[in-house]
Amino acid sequence: MTSLPYWDSDVDMQIAPWFPLGVDYKPVSVNLFHSGRLSKIAALALSLNSEFFCLTSLKSGYVGTLLRDNMFIPGRLRRIELGFTMLFGYSPAMEEAVAPLLEEYGDIEGGVSFCTLRDRNIIRESFKAIILVSGNPLFSEDEFLDHLGEGLEKRVSSRESMAFFAETFGYRRFFIPYETDNPVDLEISRLLYEMEFEETRQWVGPSPEVSFPPFFTLELATG
């Protein structure tokens, strides 16, 4: 049974044709084009058998490992997302690390969803992901990222060197599909929740599916 609920929507993402999906030699350091904070989070995520994929927000724009082309060419995308979204590859360790942090922030929610990567109209990969979202345009991004980094650091052994090996020898990506979930456990969870007893919900946890908060996007006119 998961600690985080499931989002009721899947996510589609466009990646550059040249993106090194199979083997990546810069899965951590590429985030230095944005900040050392994101690079640190990316390194810690690898040590938790996860991966930091991307962050979109009013302040940062579109950044992260999957969206490195936007960090190389700032302003390439002519739109602004009025909210905050952060996407990680799924792992039980990452889920356990993120869940308690979300309880401390009322402006952000987290859940598990299915993400599809596309190169134009071609599906390159589909995988299970942890998605953190806030619909608040004034969300305190820096404060949350600092807190997230500290929380992940507490979960990682000081002897972990996954990021070093990934950067030195290359990181071969692998993805966990939804099929790894136990369908019997998921169905039991759904049925128990639908019984609508408050005592039952305290044991079962959150609703099996929750809705994404509303987002607003501004399209910028080209000069």
N, C-alpha and C. Protein backbone atom coordinates (compact mmCIF):
# COMPACT_ATOMS: atom_id res chain seq x y z
N MET A 1 0.85 -1.19 0.00
CA MET A 1 0.00 0.00 0.00
C MET A 1 0.88 1.24 0.00
N THR A 2 0.56 2.21 -0.83
CA THR A 2 1.40 3.39 -0.97
C THR A 2 1.10 4.41 0.12
N SER A 3 2.11 5.25 0.42
CA SER A 3 1.92 6.34 1.37
C SER A 3 1.24 7.52 0.69
N LEU A 4 1.51 7.71 -0.59
CA LEU A 4 0.94 8.81 -1.35
C LEU A 4 -0.28 8.33 -2.13
N PRO A 5 -1.25 9.21 -2.35
CA PRO A 5 -2.40 8.83 -3.18
C PRO A 5 -2.01 8.80 -4.66
N TYR A 6 -2.93 8.33 -5.47
CA TYR A 6 -2.72 8.35 -6.92
C TYR A 6 -3.43 9.56 -7.51
N TRP A 7 -2.73 10.28 -8.40
CA TRP A 7 -3.39 11.37 -9.12
C TRP A 7 -4.40 10.77 -10.09
N ASP A 8 -5.47 11.51 -10.34
CA ASP A 8 -6.50 11.01 -11.25
C ASP A 8 -6.20 11.34 -12.71
N SER A 9 -5.01 11.90 -12.98
CA SER A 9 -4.62 12.24 -14.35
C SER A 9 -3.22 11.74 -14.63
N ASP A 10 -2.99 11.33 -15.87
CA ASP A 10 -1.65 10.97 -16.30
C ASP A 10 -0.94 12.21 -16.82
N VAL A 11 0.36 12.10 -17.02
CA VAL A 11 1.18 13.24 -17.44
C VAL A 11 1.89 12.90 -18.74
N ASP A 12 1.82 13.80 -19.71
CA ASP A 12 2.56 13.68 -20.96
C ASP A 12 3.63 14.76 -21.00
N MET A 13 4.85 14.38 -21.39
CA MET A 13 5.94 15.35 -21.47
C MET A 13 6.65 15.24 -22.81
N GLN A 14 7.02 16.38 -23.36
CA GLN A 14 7.80 16.42 -24.59
C GLN A 14 9.28 16.56 -24.24
N ILE A 15 10.12 15.72 -24.83
CA ILE A 15 11.56 15.82 -24.62
C ILE A 15 12.24 16.08 -25.96
N ALA A 16 13.44 16.62 -25.90
CA ALA A 16 14.19 16.93 -27.11
C ALA A 16 14.60 15.64 -27.82
N PRO A 17 14.68 15.64 -29.16
CA PRO A 17 15.06 14.43 -29.89
C PRO A 17 16.44 13.90 -29.50
N TRP A 18 17.32 14.80 -29.06
CA TRP A 18 18.68 14.38 -28.72
C TRP A 18 18.84 14.01 -27.24
N PHE A 19 17.75 14.00 -26.49
CA PHE A 19 17.87 13.72 -25.06
C PHE A 19 18.43 12.31 -24.84
N PRO A 20 19.47 12.16 -23.99
CA PRO A 20 20.10 10.84 -23.75
C PRO A 20 19.26 9.97 -22.81
N LEU A 21 18.19 9.42 -23.34
CA LEU A 21 17.25 8.68 -22.50
C LEU A 21 17.84 7.37 -21.99
N GLY A 22 18.56 6.66 -22.85
CA GLY A 22 19.09 5.35 -22.46
C GLY A 22 20.23 5.43 -21.47
N VAL A 23 21.29 6.13 -21.84
CA VAL A 23 22.46 6.30 -20.97
C VAL A 23 22.78 7.78 -20.88
N ASP A 24 22.82 8.30 -19.67
CA ASP A 24 23.03 9.72 -19.44
C ASP A 24 24.31 9.90 -18.62
N TYR A 25 25.22 10.72 -19.13
CA TYR A 25 26.48 10.95 -18.43
C TYR A 25 26.45 12.21 -17.57
N LYS A 26 25.34 12.92 -17.57
CA LYS A 26 25.22 14.13 -16.74
C LYS A 26 23.85 14.18 -16.05
N PRO A 27 23.42 13.12 -15.40
CA PRO A 27 22.09 13.14 -14.79
C PRO A 27 21.99 14.04 -13.56
N VAL A 28 23.15 14.40 -12.99
CA VAL A 28 23.17 15.25 -11.80
C VAL A 28 23.70 16.63 -12.12
N SER A 29 24.90 16.69 -12.68
CA SER A 29 25.58 17.98 -12.87
C SER A 29 24.89 18.88 -13.88
N VAL A 30 24.06 18.32 -14.77
CA VAL A 30 23.36 19.17 -15.73
C VAL A 30 22.44 20.15 -15.02
N ASN A 31 22.01 19.81 -13.82
CA ASN A 31 21.12 20.69 -13.06
C ASN A 31 21.85 21.89 -12.47
N LEU A 32 23.18 21.89 -12.54
CA LEU A 32 23.93 23.06 -12.11
C LEU A 32 23.68 24.26 -13.02
N PHE A 33 23.16 24.01 -14.22
CA PHE A 33 22.78 25.12 -15.09
C PHE A 33 21.66 25.94 -14.46
N HIS A 34 20.93 25.31 -13.54
CA HIS A 34 19.90 26.05 -12.80
C HIS A 34 20.42 26.47 -11.44
N SER A 35 20.83 25.49 -10.62
CA SER A 35 21.30 25.82 -9.27
C SER A 35 21.96 24.61 -8.63
N GLY A 36 22.82 24.89 -7.66
CA GLY A 36 23.41 23.82 -6.87
C GLY A 36 22.38 23.09 -6.04
N ARG A 37 21.30 23.78 -5.70
CA ARG A 37 20.23 23.18 -4.91
C ARG A 37 19.58 22.02 -5.67
N LEU A 38 19.28 22.24 -6.95
CA LEU A 38 18.67 21.17 -7.74
C LEU A 38 19.65 20.04 -8.00
N SER A 39 20.91 20.38 -8.19
CA SER A 39 21.92 19.34 -8.40
C SER A 39 22.04 18.44 -7.17
N LYS A 40 21.97 19.04 -6.00
CA LYS A 40 22.02 18.26 -4.76
C LYS A 40 20.82 17.34 -4.64
N ILE A 41 19.63 17.85 -4.94
CA ILE A 41 18.42 17.03 -4.88
C ILE A 41 18.50 15.88 -5.88
N ALA A 42 19.04 16.16 -7.07
CA ALA A 42 19.19 15.12 -8.09
C ALA A 42 20.12 14.01 -7.60
N ALA A 43 21.21 14.38 -6.94
CA ALA A 43 22.15 13.39 -6.43
C ALA A 43 21.52 12.54 -5.33
N LEU A 44 20.78 13.18 -4.44
CA LEU A 44 20.14 12.46 -3.34
C LEU A 44 19.05 11.53 -3.86
N ALA A 45 18.32 11.98 -4.89
CA ALA A 45 17.26 11.15 -5.46
C ALA A 45 17.83 9.85 -6.02
N LEU A 46 18.97 9.92 -6.70
CA LEU A 46 19.59 8.71 -7.23
C LEU A 46 19.94 7.73 -6.12
N SER A 47 20.38 8.25 -4.99
CA SER A 47 20.73 7.38 -3.87
C SER A 47 19.51 6.72 -3.24
N LEU A 48 18.32 7.24 -3.55
CA LEU A 48 17.08 6.65 -3.06
C LEU A 48 16.39 5.83 -4.16
N ASN A 49 17.18 5.44 -5.17
CA ASN A 49 16.66 4.64 -6.29
C ASN A 49 15.58 5.36 -7.08
N SER A 50 15.64 6.68 -7.05
CA SER A 50 14.72 7.51 -7.81
C SER A 50 15.55 8.38 -8.75
N GLU A 51 14.92 9.36 -9.36
CA GLU A 51 15.64 10.32 -10.20
C GLU A 51 14.83 11.60 -10.28
N PHE A 52 15.51 12.72 -10.12
CA PHE A 52 14.85 14.01 -10.32
C PHE A 52 14.75 14.27 -11.82
N PHE A 53 13.53 14.47 -12.30
CA PHE A 53 13.33 14.66 -13.73
C PHE A 53 13.14 16.12 -14.12
N CYS A 54 12.24 16.82 -13.44
CA CYS A 54 12.01 18.20 -13.87
C CYS A 54 11.29 19.00 -12.80
N LEU A 55 11.37 20.31 -12.97
CA LEU A 55 10.67 21.27 -12.12
C LEU A 55 10.13 22.37 -13.02
N THR A 56 8.87 22.72 -12.84
CA THR A 56 8.30 23.85 -13.56
C THR A 56 7.64 24.78 -12.55
N SER A 57 7.89 26.07 -12.70
CA SER A 57 7.31 27.04 -11.78
C SER A 57 7.40 28.43 -12.38
N LEU A 58 6.70 29.36 -11.75
CA LEU A 58 6.73 30.75 -12.19
C LEU A 58 8.14 31.32 -12.05
N LYS A 59 8.83 30.94 -10.99
CA LYS A 59 10.16 31.49 -10.72
C LYS A 59 11.24 30.85 -11.59
N SER A 60 11.24 29.52 -11.67
CA SER A 60 12.33 28.81 -12.34
C SER A 60 12.08 28.54 -13.82
N GLY A 61 10.83 28.59 -14.24
CA GLY A 61 10.53 28.24 -15.62
C GLY A 61 10.45 26.73 -15.77
N TYR A 62 11.07 26.20 -16.83
CA TYR A 62 11.05 24.77 -17.12
C TYR A 62 12.48 24.25 -17.05
N VAL A 63 12.81 23.54 -15.98
CA VAL A 63 14.19 23.12 -15.75
C VAL A 63 14.22 21.66 -15.30
N GLY A 64 15.43 21.11 -15.25
CA GLY A 64 15.60 19.75 -14.77
C GLY A 64 16.25 18.85 -15.79
N THR A 65 16.50 17.62 -15.39
CA THR A 65 17.21 16.67 -16.23
C THR A 65 16.51 16.43 -17.57
N LEU A 66 15.18 16.28 -17.54
CA LEU A 66 14.43 16.04 -18.77
C LEU A 66 14.31 17.29 -19.63
N LEU A 67 14.40 18.45 -19.01
CA LEU A 67 14.16 19.71 -19.72
C LEU A 67 15.45 20.52 -19.83
N ARG A 68 16.57 19.83 -20.01
CA ARG A 68 17.86 20.52 -20.03
C ARG A 68 17.99 21.49 -21.20
N ASP A 69 17.26 21.24 -22.28
CA ASP A 69 17.34 22.16 -23.42
C ASP A 69 16.85 23.55 -23.05
N ASN A 70 15.91 23.64 -22.09
CA ASN A 70 15.42 24.94 -21.65
C ASN A 70 16.44 25.67 -20.78
N MET A 71 17.31 24.90 -20.13
CA MET A 71 18.37 25.53 -19.34
C MET A 71 19.51 26.00 -20.25
N PHE A 72 19.72 25.27 -21.35
CA PHE A 72 20.76 25.67 -22.30
C PHE A 72 20.34 26.92 -23.07
N ILE A 73 19.03 27.00 -23.39
CA ILE A 73 18.52 28.13 -24.18
C ILE A 73 17.36 28.76 -23.40
N PRO A 74 17.64 29.63 -22.42
CA PRO A 74 16.57 30.23 -21.62
C PRO A 74 15.58 31.00 -22.50
N GLY A 75 14.30 30.89 -22.14
CA GLY A 75 13.27 31.60 -22.88
C GLY A 75 12.81 30.91 -24.14
N ARG A 76 13.27 29.67 -24.36
CA ARG A 76 12.88 28.96 -25.58
C ARG A 76 11.37 28.70 -25.60
N LEU A 77 10.82 28.34 -24.43
CA LEU A 77 9.37 28.13 -24.34
C LEU A 77 8.69 29.45 -24.04
N ARG A 78 7.69 29.79 -24.84
CA ARG A 78 7.02 31.08 -24.72
C ARG A 78 5.75 30.96 -23.88
N ARG A 79 5.89 30.39 -22.69
CA ARG A 79 4.74 30.32 -21.79
C ARG A 79 5.24 30.27 -20.35
N ILE A 80 4.37 30.65 -19.43
CA ILE A 80 4.69 30.68 -18.01
C ILE A 80 3.65 29.87 -17.25
N GLU A 81 4.12 28.97 -16.41
CA GLU A 81 3.23 28.14 -15.59
C GLU A 81 3.03 28.81 -14.24
N LEU A 82 1.79 29.16 -13.91
CA LEU A 82 1.50 29.81 -12.63
C LEU A 82 1.23 28.75 -11.57
N GLY A 83 2.28 28.13 -11.11
CA GLY A 83 2.17 27.07 -10.12
C GLY A 83 3.53 26.41 -9.97
N PHE A 84 3.55 25.30 -9.28
CA PHE A 84 4.81 24.59 -9.02
C PHE A 84 4.59 23.10 -9.24
N THR A 85 5.46 22.49 -10.02
CA THR A 85 5.40 21.05 -10.27
C THR A 85 6.80 20.47 -10.22
N MET A 86 6.93 19.33 -9.57
CA MET A 86 8.22 18.65 -9.48
C MET A 86 7.98 17.16 -9.72
N LEU A 87 8.79 16.56 -10.57
CA LEU A 87 8.57 15.17 -10.97
C LEU A 87 9.80 14.33 -10.68
N PHE A 88 9.56 13.20 -10.01
CA PHE A 88 10.62 12.24 -9.68
C PHE A 88 10.23 10.86 -10.20
N GLY A 89 11.23 10.06 -10.52
CA GLY A 89 10.97 8.66 -10.79
C GLY A 89 10.52 7.97 -9.51
N TYR A 90 9.65 6.98 -9.65
CA TYR A 90 9.10 6.34 -8.46
C TYR A 90 10.07 5.34 -7.84
N SER A 91 10.12 5.35 -6.53
CA SER A 91 10.74 4.29 -5.75
C SER A 91 10.09 4.31 -4.37
N PRO A 92 9.96 3.16 -3.73
CA PRO A 92 9.37 3.15 -2.38
C PRO A 92 10.14 4.03 -1.40
N ALA A 93 11.47 4.05 -1.53
CA ALA A 93 12.28 4.86 -0.62
C ALA A 93 12.01 6.35 -0.82
N MET A 94 11.84 6.77 -2.07
CA MET A 94 11.56 8.17 -2.35
C MET A 94 10.16 8.54 -1.84
N GLU A 95 9.23 7.64 -2.01
CA GLU A 95 7.87 7.89 -1.54
C GLU A 95 7.86 8.07 -0.02
N GLU A 96 8.59 7.22 0.68
CA GLU A 96 8.64 7.31 2.14
C GLU A 96 9.34 8.59 2.59
N ALA A 97 10.29 9.06 1.80
CA ALA A 97 11.02 10.28 2.16
C ALA A 97 10.17 11.53 1.93
N VAL A 98 9.37 11.52 0.88
CA VAL A 98 8.60 12.71 0.51
C VAL A 98 7.32 12.85 1.33
N ALA A 99 6.67 11.75 1.64
CA ALA A 99 5.35 11.79 2.29
C ALA A 99 5.33 12.63 3.57
N PRO A 100 6.26 12.44 4.51
CA PRO A 100 6.18 13.26 5.74
C PRO A 100 6.48 14.73 5.50
N LEU A 101 7.26 15.05 4.48
CA LEU A 101 7.57 16.45 4.19
C LEU A 101 6.33 17.21 3.72
N LEU A 102 5.48 16.52 2.98
CA LEU A 102 4.28 17.17 2.44
C LEU A 102 3.30 17.56 3.54
N GLU A 103 3.34 16.82 4.64
CA GLU A 103 2.42 17.13 5.74
C GLU A 103 2.75 18.48 6.38
N GLU A 104 3.98 18.95 6.20
CA GLU A 104 4.40 20.21 6.82
C GLU A 104 4.06 21.42 5.95
N TYR A 105 3.68 21.18 4.69
CA TYR A 105 3.39 22.27 3.78
C TYR A 105 1.95 22.16 3.29
N GLY A 106 1.14 23.14 3.66
CA GLY A 106 -0.25 23.10 3.25
C GLY A 106 -0.47 23.48 1.80
N ASP A 107 0.54 24.13 1.18
CA ASP A 107 0.38 24.63 -0.18
C ASP A 107 0.79 23.63 -1.25
N ILE A 108 1.26 22.46 -0.87
CA ILE A 108 1.75 21.51 -1.87
C ILE A 108 1.18 20.12 -1.59
N GLU A 109 0.91 19.41 -2.67
CA GLU A 109 0.39 18.06 -2.58
C GLU A 109 1.29 17.12 -3.37
N GLY A 110 1.23 15.85 -3.04
CA GLY A 110 2.03 14.86 -3.74
C GLY A 110 1.22 13.63 -4.06
N GLY A 111 1.59 12.96 -5.14
CA GLY A 111 0.89 11.75 -5.52
C GLY A 111 1.68 10.97 -6.55
N VAL A 112 1.17 9.80 -6.87
CA VAL A 112 1.80 8.91 -7.83
C VAL A 112 0.98 8.91 -9.11
N SER A 113 1.65 8.93 -10.25
CA SER A 113 0.94 8.95 -11.52
C SER A 113 1.76 8.22 -12.58
N PHE A 114 1.18 8.15 -13.76
CA PHE A 114 1.82 7.51 -14.90
C PHE A 114 2.28 8.60 -15.86
N CYS A 115 3.56 8.58 -16.21
CA CYS A 115 4.13 9.63 -17.05
C CYS A 115 4.61 9.04 -18.38
N THR A 116 4.30 9.73 -19.46
CA THR A 116 4.72 9.31 -20.79
C THR A 116 5.63 10.37 -21.39
N LEU A 117 6.79 9.94 -21.88
CA LEU A 117 7.73 10.83 -22.54
C LEU A 117 7.55 10.70 -24.04
N ARG A 118 7.44 11.84 -24.71
CA ARG A 118 7.22 11.84 -26.15
C ARG A 118 8.28 12.69 -26.86
N ASP A 119 8.73 12.19 -27.98
CA ASP A 119 9.54 12.97 -28.91
C ASP A 119 8.63 13.29 -30.08
N ARG A 120 8.08 14.52 -30.04
CA ARG A 120 7.01 14.90 -30.97
C ARG A 120 5.82 13.96 -30.78
N ASN A 121 5.46 13.14 -31.75
CA ASN A 121 4.31 12.24 -31.57
C ASN A 121 4.71 10.81 -31.26
N ILE A 122 6.00 10.60 -31.04
CA ILE A 122 6.50 9.24 -30.80
C ILE A 122 6.69 9.03 -29.30
N ILE A 123 6.09 7.97 -28.77
CA ILE A 123 6.27 7.64 -27.36
C ILE A 123 7.65 7.01 -27.17
N ARG A 124 8.47 7.65 -26.35
CA ARG A 124 9.81 7.13 -26.08
C ARG A 124 9.83 6.21 -24.86
N GLU A 125 9.03 6.55 -23.85
CA GLU A 125 9.04 5.76 -22.62
C GLU A 125 7.83 6.11 -21.78
N SER A 126 7.39 5.15 -20.97
CA SER A 126 6.32 5.38 -20.01
C SER A 126 6.78 4.82 -18.67
N PHE A 127 6.48 5.53 -17.60
CA PHE A 127 6.97 5.08 -16.31
C PHE A 127 6.10 5.63 -15.18
N LYS A 128 6.30 5.06 -14.03
CA LYS A 128 5.61 5.47 -12.81
C LYS A 128 6.39 6.60 -12.15
N ALA A 129 5.69 7.63 -11.70
CA ALA A 129 6.38 8.81 -11.19
C ALA A 129 5.71 9.35 -9.93
N ILE A 130 6.50 10.06 -9.15
CA ILE A 130 6.01 10.82 -8.00
C ILE A 130 5.95 12.28 -8.44
N ILE A 131 4.79 12.89 -8.30
CA ILE A 131 4.61 14.27 -8.77
C ILE A 131 4.16 15.14 -7.60
N LEU A 132 4.92 16.19 -7.34
CA LEU A 132 4.59 17.17 -6.31
C LEU A 132 4.06 18.42 -7.00
N VAL A 133 2.92 18.92 -6.57
CA VAL A 133 2.31 20.06 -7.25
C VAL A 133 1.74 21.06 -6.25
N SER A 134 1.76 22.32 -6.65
CA SER A 134 1.09 23.39 -5.91
C SER A 134 0.48 24.33 -6.94
N GLY A 135 -0.78 24.67 -6.73
CA GLY A 135 -1.44 25.60 -7.62
C GLY A 135 -1.28 27.05 -7.20
N ASN A 136 -0.53 27.28 -6.12
CA ASN A 136 -0.34 28.63 -5.60
C ASN A 136 0.77 29.34 -6.37
N PRO A 137 0.48 30.41 -7.11
CA PRO A 137 1.52 31.12 -7.85
C PRO A 137 2.59 31.73 -6.95
N LEU A 138 2.26 31.94 -5.67
CA LEU A 138 3.20 32.54 -4.72
C LEU A 138 3.86 31.50 -3.83
N PHE A 139 3.84 30.26 -4.26
CA PHE A 139 4.43 29.17 -3.48
C PHE A 139 5.90 29.47 -3.19
N SER A 140 6.32 29.24 -1.94
CA SER A 140 7.70 29.52 -1.52
C SER A 140 8.62 28.40 -2.00
N GLU A 141 9.06 28.53 -3.22
CA GLU A 141 9.83 27.47 -3.88
C GLU A 141 11.18 27.21 -3.20
N ASP A 142 11.94 28.26 -2.96
CA ASP A 142 13.28 28.09 -2.39
C ASP A 142 13.23 27.44 -1.01
N GLU A 143 12.29 27.88 -0.20
CA GLU A 143 12.16 27.32 1.14
C GLU A 143 11.83 25.84 1.08
N PHE A 144 10.91 25.48 0.18
CA PHE A 144 10.52 24.07 0.07
C PHE A 144 11.68 23.22 -0.45
N LEU A 145 12.41 23.71 -1.45
CA LEU A 145 13.51 22.93 -2.00
C LEU A 145 14.62 22.72 -0.97
N ASP A 146 14.88 23.74 -0.16
CA ASP A 146 15.87 23.58 0.91
C ASP A 146 15.41 22.51 1.89
N HIS A 147 14.14 22.56 2.25
CA HIS A 147 13.59 21.59 3.20
C HIS A 147 13.58 20.19 2.59
N LEU A 148 13.27 20.10 1.31
CA LEU A 148 13.27 18.81 0.62
C LEU A 148 14.67 18.22 0.60
N GLY A 149 15.66 19.05 0.28
CA GLY A 149 17.03 18.57 0.27
C GLY A 149 17.48 18.06 1.62
N GLU A 150 17.11 18.77 2.67
CA GLU A 150 17.47 18.34 4.03
C GLU A 150 16.78 17.02 4.38
N GLY A 151 15.51 16.90 3.98
CA GLY A 151 14.78 15.68 4.28
C GLY A 151 15.35 14.47 3.56
N LEU A 152 15.72 14.64 2.29
CA LEU A 152 16.30 13.53 1.54
C LEU A 152 17.68 13.16 2.09
N GLU A 153 18.41 14.18 2.51
CA GLU A 153 19.76 13.93 3.03
C GLU A 153 19.73 13.05 4.27
N LYS A 154 18.69 13.21 5.08
CA LYS A 154 18.57 12.40 6.29
C LYS A 154 18.31 10.93 5.97
N ARG A 155 17.78 10.67 4.77
CA ARG A 155 17.45 9.30 4.37
C ARG A 155 18.60 8.60 3.66
N VAL A 156 19.63 9.35 3.31
CA VAL A 156 20.72 8.79 2.50
C VAL A 156 21.95 8.59 3.37
N SER A 157 22.56 7.44 3.25
CA SER A 157 23.80 7.16 3.98
C SER A 157 24.93 8.02 3.44
N SER A 158 25.80 8.46 4.32
CA SER A 158 26.93 9.29 3.91
C SER A 158 27.89 8.53 3.00
N ARG A 159 27.78 7.21 2.98
CA ARG A 159 28.66 6.40 2.14
C ARG A 159 28.09 6.17 0.74
N GLU A 160 26.87 6.63 0.50
CA GLU A 160 26.27 6.45 -0.82
C GLU A 160 27.04 7.25 -1.87
N SER A 161 27.34 6.61 -3.00
CA SER A 161 28.09 7.29 -4.06
C SER A 161 27.47 7.05 -5.43
N MET A 162 26.15 6.85 -5.46
CA MET A 162 25.46 6.59 -6.71
C MET A 162 25.67 7.72 -7.72
N ALA A 163 25.58 8.96 -7.25
CA ALA A 163 25.74 10.10 -8.15
C ALA A 163 27.14 10.12 -8.77
N PHE A 164 28.15 9.79 -7.98
CA PHE A 164 29.52 9.78 -8.50
C PHE A 164 29.67 8.77 -9.62
N PHE A 165 29.18 7.56 -9.41
CA PHE A 165 29.31 6.53 -10.43
C PHE A 165 28.46 6.86 -11.66
N ALA A 166 27.29 7.46 -11.44
CA ALA A 166 26.43 7.82 -12.56
C ALA A 166 27.11 8.87 -13.45
N GLU A 167 27.78 9.82 -12.83
CA GLU A 167 28.45 10.87 -13.59
C GLU A 167 29.74 10.37 -14.23
N THR A 168 30.39 9.42 -13.59
CA THR A 168 31.69 8.94 -14.08
C THR A 168 31.54 7.90 -15.19
N PHE A 169 30.61 6.96 -14.99
CA PHE A 169 30.49 5.84 -15.93
C PHE A 169 29.20 5.87 -16.75
N GLY A 170 28.32 6.81 -16.46
CA GLY A 170 27.05 6.89 -17.17
C GLY A 170 25.93 6.23 -16.39
N TYR A 171 24.76 6.80 -16.51
CA TYR A 171 23.59 6.30 -15.79
C TYR A 171 22.62 5.68 -16.78
N ARG A 172 22.40 4.39 -16.64
CA ARG A 172 21.45 3.69 -17.52
C ARG A 172 20.08 3.69 -16.86
N ARG A 173 19.14 4.35 -17.51
CA ARG A 173 17.81 4.49 -16.91
C ARG A 173 16.99 3.21 -17.05
N PHE A 174 16.20 2.97 -16.02
CA PHE A 174 15.20 1.91 -16.08
C PHE A 174 13.96 2.45 -15.38
N PHE A 175 12.81 2.00 -15.83
CA PHE A 175 11.57 2.57 -15.34
C PHE A 175 10.68 1.48 -14.75
N ILE A 176 9.93 1.86 -13.71
CA ILE A 176 9.03 0.94 -13.04
C ILE A 176 7.61 1.20 -13.55
N PRO A 177 7.02 0.26 -14.28
CA PRO A 177 5.65 0.47 -14.77
C PRO A 177 4.63 0.23 -13.68
N TYR A 178 3.40 0.61 -13.97
CA TYR A 178 2.32 0.41 -13.01
C TYR A 178 2.10 -1.06 -12.69
N GLU A 179 2.50 -1.94 -13.59
CA GLU A 179 2.22 -3.36 -13.39
C GLU A 179 2.90 -3.91 -12.14
N THR A 180 3.87 -3.18 -11.58
CA THR A 180 4.53 -3.67 -10.38
C THR A 180 3.67 -3.49 -9.14
N ASP A 181 2.61 -2.70 -9.23
CA ASP A 181 1.70 -2.58 -8.10
C ASP A 181 0.88 -3.87 -7.98
N ASN A 182 0.60 -4.22 -6.77
CA ASN A 182 -0.23 -5.40 -6.53
C ASN A 182 -1.69 -5.01 -6.74
N PRO A 183 -2.35 -5.49 -7.80
CA PRO A 183 -3.72 -5.06 -8.08
C PRO A 183 -4.70 -5.47 -6.98
N VAL A 184 -4.41 -6.56 -6.29
CA VAL A 184 -5.29 -6.99 -5.20
C VAL A 184 -5.24 -5.98 -4.06
N ASP A 185 -4.02 -5.53 -3.70
CA ASP A 185 -3.89 -4.53 -2.64
C ASP A 185 -4.58 -3.23 -3.02
N LEU A 186 -4.43 -2.83 -4.29
CA LEU A 186 -5.05 -1.59 -4.73
C LEU A 186 -6.57 -1.67 -4.67
N GLU A 187 -7.12 -2.81 -5.05
CA GLU A 187 -8.57 -2.97 -5.03
C GLU A 187 -9.10 -3.01 -3.60
N ILE A 188 -8.38 -3.68 -2.71
CA ILE A 188 -8.77 -3.71 -1.30
C ILE A 188 -8.76 -2.30 -0.72
N SER A 189 -7.73 -1.53 -1.06
CA SER A 189 -7.63 -0.16 -0.57
C SER A 189 -8.80 0.67 -1.05
N ARG A 190 -9.16 0.52 -2.32
CA ARG A 190 -10.28 1.29 -2.87
C ARG A 190 -11.60 0.91 -2.20
N LEU A 191 -11.84 -0.39 -2.01
CA LEU A 191 -13.09 -0.84 -1.41
C LEU A 191 -13.22 -0.39 0.04
N LEU A 192 -12.13 -0.47 0.78
CA LEU A 192 -12.18 -0.04 2.18
C LEU A 192 -12.46 1.45 2.27
N TYR A 193 -11.86 2.23 1.38
CA TYR A 193 -12.10 3.67 1.42
C TYR A 193 -13.56 3.99 1.13
N GLU A 194 -14.15 3.24 0.22
CA GLU A 194 -15.53 3.51 -0.17
C GLU A 194 -16.52 3.13 0.93
N MET A 195 -16.06 2.43 1.96
CA MET A 195 -16.95 2.12 3.08
C MET A 195 -17.29 3.39 3.87
N GLU A 196 -16.43 4.41 3.76
CA GLU A 196 -16.70 5.75 4.29
C GLU A 196 -16.80 5.80 5.81
N PHE A 197 -16.20 4.86 6.50
CA PHE A 197 -16.10 4.96 7.94
C PHE A 197 -14.82 5.72 8.28
N GLU A 198 -14.93 6.73 9.12
CA GLU A 198 -13.76 7.53 9.45
C GLU A 198 -12.68 6.68 10.11
N GLU A 199 -13.10 5.72 10.93
CA GLU A 199 -12.13 4.85 11.59
C GLU A 199 -11.36 4.02 10.57
N THR A 200 -12.06 3.59 9.52
CA THR A 200 -11.40 2.81 8.47
C THR A 200 -10.40 3.68 7.72
N ARG A 201 -10.77 4.92 7.43
CA ARG A 201 -9.89 5.79 6.66
C ARG A 201 -8.60 6.10 7.41
N GLN A 202 -8.67 6.12 8.74
CA GLN A 202 -7.47 6.37 9.51
C GLN A 202 -6.44 5.27 9.30
N TRP A 203 -6.92 4.06 9.02
CA TRP A 203 -6.01 2.94 8.78
C TRP A 203 -5.63 2.83 7.31
N VAL A 204 -6.58 3.11 6.44
CA VAL A 204 -6.34 2.93 5.01
C VAL A 204 -5.46 4.03 4.44
N GLY A 205 -5.64 5.27 4.93
CA GLY A 205 -4.85 6.37 4.40
C GLY A 205 -5.67 7.22 3.44
N PRO A 206 -4.99 7.90 2.51
CA PRO A 206 -5.68 8.84 1.64
C PRO A 206 -6.54 8.15 0.59
N SER A 207 -7.36 8.94 -0.08
CA SER A 207 -8.19 8.42 -1.15
C SER A 207 -7.31 7.80 -2.23
N PRO A 208 -7.76 6.71 -2.86
CA PRO A 208 -6.97 6.09 -3.92
C PRO A 208 -6.64 7.04 -5.07
N GLU A 209 -7.49 8.03 -5.32
CA GLU A 209 -7.22 8.99 -6.38
C GLU A 209 -7.61 10.39 -5.92
N VAL A 210 -6.77 11.35 -6.23
CA VAL A 210 -7.06 12.75 -5.91
C VAL A 210 -6.89 13.57 -7.18
N SER A 211 -7.52 14.73 -7.21
CA SER A 211 -7.49 15.58 -8.40
C SER A 211 -6.33 16.55 -8.35
N PHE A 212 -5.76 16.82 -9.52
CA PHE A 212 -4.73 17.84 -9.62
C PHE A 212 -5.32 19.20 -9.24
N PRO A 213 -4.53 20.05 -8.55
CA PRO A 213 -5.01 21.41 -8.30
C PRO A 213 -5.06 22.17 -9.62
N PRO A 214 -5.90 23.20 -9.71
CA PRO A 214 -6.00 23.96 -10.97
C PRO A 214 -4.73 24.72 -11.27
N PHE A 215 -4.35 24.75 -12.56
CA PHE A 215 -3.18 25.49 -13.01
C PHE A 215 -3.59 26.51 -14.06
N PHE A 216 -2.83 27.60 -14.10
CA PHE A 216 -3.05 28.61 -15.11
C PHE A 216 -1.75 28.84 -15.87
N THR A 217 -1.84 28.90 -17.19
CA THR A 217 -0.67 29.09 -18.04
C THR A 217 -0.83 30.35 -18.87
N LEU A 218 0.23 31.16 -18.90
CA LEU A 218 0.24 32.36 -19.72
C LEU A 218 1.08 32.11 -20.96
N GLU A 219 0.51 32.32 -22.13
CA GLU A 219 1.24 32.22 -23.38
C GLU A 219 1.82 33.59 -23.72
N LEU A 220 3.13 33.64 -23.97
CA LEU A 220 3.80 34.90 -24.26
C LEU A 220 3.83 35.14 -25.76
N ALA A 221 3.54 36.35 -26.15
CA ALA A 221 3.56 36.70 -27.57
C ALA A 221 5.00 36.81 -28.05
N THR A 222 5.25 36.36 -29.26
CA THR A 222 6.59 36.47 -29.84
C THR A 222 6.77 37.86 -30.43
N GLY A 223 7.99 38.39 -30.25
CA GLY A 223 8.25 39.74 -30.72
C GLY A 223 8.56 39.80 -32.20
